[in-house]
Amino acid sequence: MTEEIPDDGRLYITTDAQQLIRAIKNASFLIFVGLIALGIMLWQPWASPTIENVQRGGIAYTCVTYKTTADCN
């Protein structure tokens, strides 16, 4: 037999629809957390610039390295 849903103007959600809604909520939460983690990994707040003095041919250069780049003056 099929379930009878009363006609009283209220919204009834079936068990399958409730499971689908729960799955969508869980997936959206996981995507949100993943995007936050990806943003932090790209930003890399733990990577700070370092300053080093380099001697080349008797001339002193000041070099600043940050992540994968180096600038010398």
C-alpha atoms as a PDB file:
ATOM      1  CA  MET A   1       0.000   0.000   0.000  1.00  0.00           C
ATOM      2  CA  THR A   2       1.071   3.528  -0.588  1.00  0.00           C
ATOM      3  CA  GLU A   3       1.392   6.117   2.114  1.00  0.00           C
ATOM      4  CA  GLU A   4      -1.470   8.482   2.327  1.00  0.00           C
ATOM      5  CA  ILE A   5      -0.504  12.085   2.833  1.00  0.00           C
ATOM      6  CA  PRO A   6      -3.192  14.153   4.499  1.00  0.00           C
ATOM      7  CA  ASP A   7      -4.410  17.209   2.617  1.00  0.00           C
ATOM      8  CA  ASP A   8      -4.035  19.739   5.416  1.00  0.00           C
ATOM      9  CA  GLY A   9      -1.837  22.251   3.578  1.00  0.00           C
ATOM     10  CA  ARG A  10       1.392  21.268   5.365  1.00  0.00           C
ATOM     11  CA  LEU A  11       4.572  20.278   3.599  1.00  0.00           C
ATOM     12  CA  TYR A  12       5.505  16.641   4.001  1.00  0.00           C
ATOM     13  CA  ILE A  13       8.961  15.443   2.970  1.00  0.00           C
ATOM     14  CA  THR A  14       9.504  11.772   2.269  1.00  0.00           C
ATOM     15  CA  THR A  15      12.366   9.814   3.799  1.00  0.00           C
ATOM     16  CA  ASP A  16      14.190   9.657   0.440  1.00  0.00           C
ATOM     17  CA  ALA A  17      13.969  13.415   0.049  1.00  0.00           C
ATOM     18  CA  GLN A  18      15.226  13.910   3.612  1.00  0.00           C
ATOM     19  CA  GLN A  19      18.242  11.725   2.866  1.00  0.00           C
ATOM     20  CA  LEU A  20      18.919  13.683  -0.329  1.00  0.00           C
ATOM     21  CA  ILE A  21      18.697  16.992   1.553  1.00  0.00           C
ATOM     22  CA  ARG A  22      21.078  15.687   4.237  1.00  0.00           C
ATOM     23  CA  ALA A  23      23.538  14.481   1.574  1.00  0.00           C
ATOM     24  CA  ILE A  24      23.465  17.871  -0.191  1.00  0.00           C
ATOM     25  CA  LYS A  25      24.079  19.686   3.115  1.00  0.00           C
ATOM     26  CA  ASN A  26      27.015  17.395   3.939  1.00  0.00           C
ATOM     27  CA  ALA A  27      28.507  17.809   0.471  1.00  0.00           C
ATOM     28  CA  SER A  28      28.199  21.587   0.586  1.00  0.00           C
ATOM     29  CA  PHE A  29      29.900  21.653   4.000  1.00  0.00           C
ATOM     30  CA  LEU A  30      32.773  19.508   2.717  1.00  0.00           C
ATOM     31  CA  ILE A  31      33.180  21.711  -0.368  1.00  0.00           C
ATOM     32  CA  PHE A  32      33.199  24.844   1.833  1.00  0.00           C
ATOM     33  CA  VAL A  33      35.860  23.405   4.158  1.00  0.00           C
ATOM     34  CA  GLY A  34      37.919  22.244   1.175  1.00  0.00           C
ATOM     35  CA  LEU A  35      37.854  25.691  -0.429  1.00  0.00           C
ATOM     36  CA  ILE A  36      38.945  27.316   2.831  1.00  0.00           C
ATOM     37  CA  ALA A  37      41.825  24.822   3.146  1.00  0.00           C
ATOM     38  CA  LEU A  38      42.834  25.408  -0.488  1.00  0.00           C
ATOM     39  CA  GLY A  39      42.841  29.173   0.055  1.00  0.00           C
ATOM     40  CA  ILE A  40      45.078  28.852   3.105  1.00  0.00           C
ATOM     41  CA  MET A  41      47.473  26.569   1.236  1.00  0.00           C
ATOM     42  CA  LEU A  42      47.718  29.059  -1.649  1.00  0.00           C
ATOM     43  CA  TRP A  43      48.112  32.054   0.680  1.00  0.00           C
ATOM     44  CA  GLN A  44      50.723  30.322   2.890  1.00  0.00           C
ATOM     45  CA  PRO A  45      50.665  32.623   5.928  1.00  0.00           C
ATOM     46  CA  TRP A  46      53.538  30.623   7.453  1.00  0.00           C
ATOM     47  CA  ALA A  47      55.877  31.610   4.590  1.00  0.00           C
ATOM     48  CA  SER A  48      57.676  34.777   5.672  1.00  0.00           C
ATOM     49  CA  PRO A  49      60.365  36.649   3.721  1.00  0.00           C
ATOM     50  CA  THR A  50      64.000  36.252   4.749  1.00  0.00           C
ATOM     51  CA  ILE A  51      66.798  38.759   4.242  1.00  0.00           C
ATOM     52  CA  GLU A  52      70.336  37.560   3.497  1.00  0.00           C
ATOM     53  CA  ASN A  53      73.576  39.349   2.759  1.00  0.00           C
ATOM     54  CA  VAL A  54      75.449  37.761  -0.141  1.00  0.00           C
ATOM     55  CA  GLN A  55      79.081  38.458  -1.071  1.00  0.00           C
ATOM     56  CA  ARG A  56      79.938  38.247  -4.786  1.00  0.00           C
ATOM     57  CA  GLY A  57      83.282  39.402  -6.068  1.00  0.00           C
ATOM     58  CA  GLY A  58      83.883  41.636  -3.077  1.00  0.00           C
ATOM     59  CA  ILE A  59      80.485  43.347  -3.462  1.00  0.00           C
ATOM     60  CA  ALA A  60      77.816  42.857  -0.810  1.00  0.00           C
ATOM     61  CA  TYR A  61      74.263  42.310  -2.010  1.00  0.00           C
ATOM     62  CA  THR A  62      71.139  42.253   0.117  1.00  0.00           C
ATOM     63  CA  CYS A  63      68.738  39.540  -1.052  1.00  0.00           C
ATOM     64  CA  VAL A  64      65.141  39.012  -0.011  1.00  0.00           C
ATOM     65  CA  THR A  65      63.669  35.561  -0.584  1.00  0.00           C
ATOM     66  CA  TYR A  66      59.960  34.861  -0.355  1.00  0.00           C
ATOM     67  CA  LYS A  67      58.415  31.477  -1.185  1.00  0.00           C
ATOM     68  CA  THR A  68      60.109  30.699  -4.534  1.00  0.00           C
ATOM     69  CA  THR A  69      61.385  34.163  -5.579  1.00  0.00           C
ATOM     70  CA  ALA A  70      64.558  36.055  -4.712  1.00  0.00           C
ATOM     71  CA  ASP A  71      65.265  39.769  -5.228  1.00  0.00           C
ATOM     72  CA  CYS A  72      68.755  41.172  -4.784  1.00  0.00           C
ATOM     73  CA  ASN A  73      69.847  44.824  -4.669  1.00  0.00           C
END
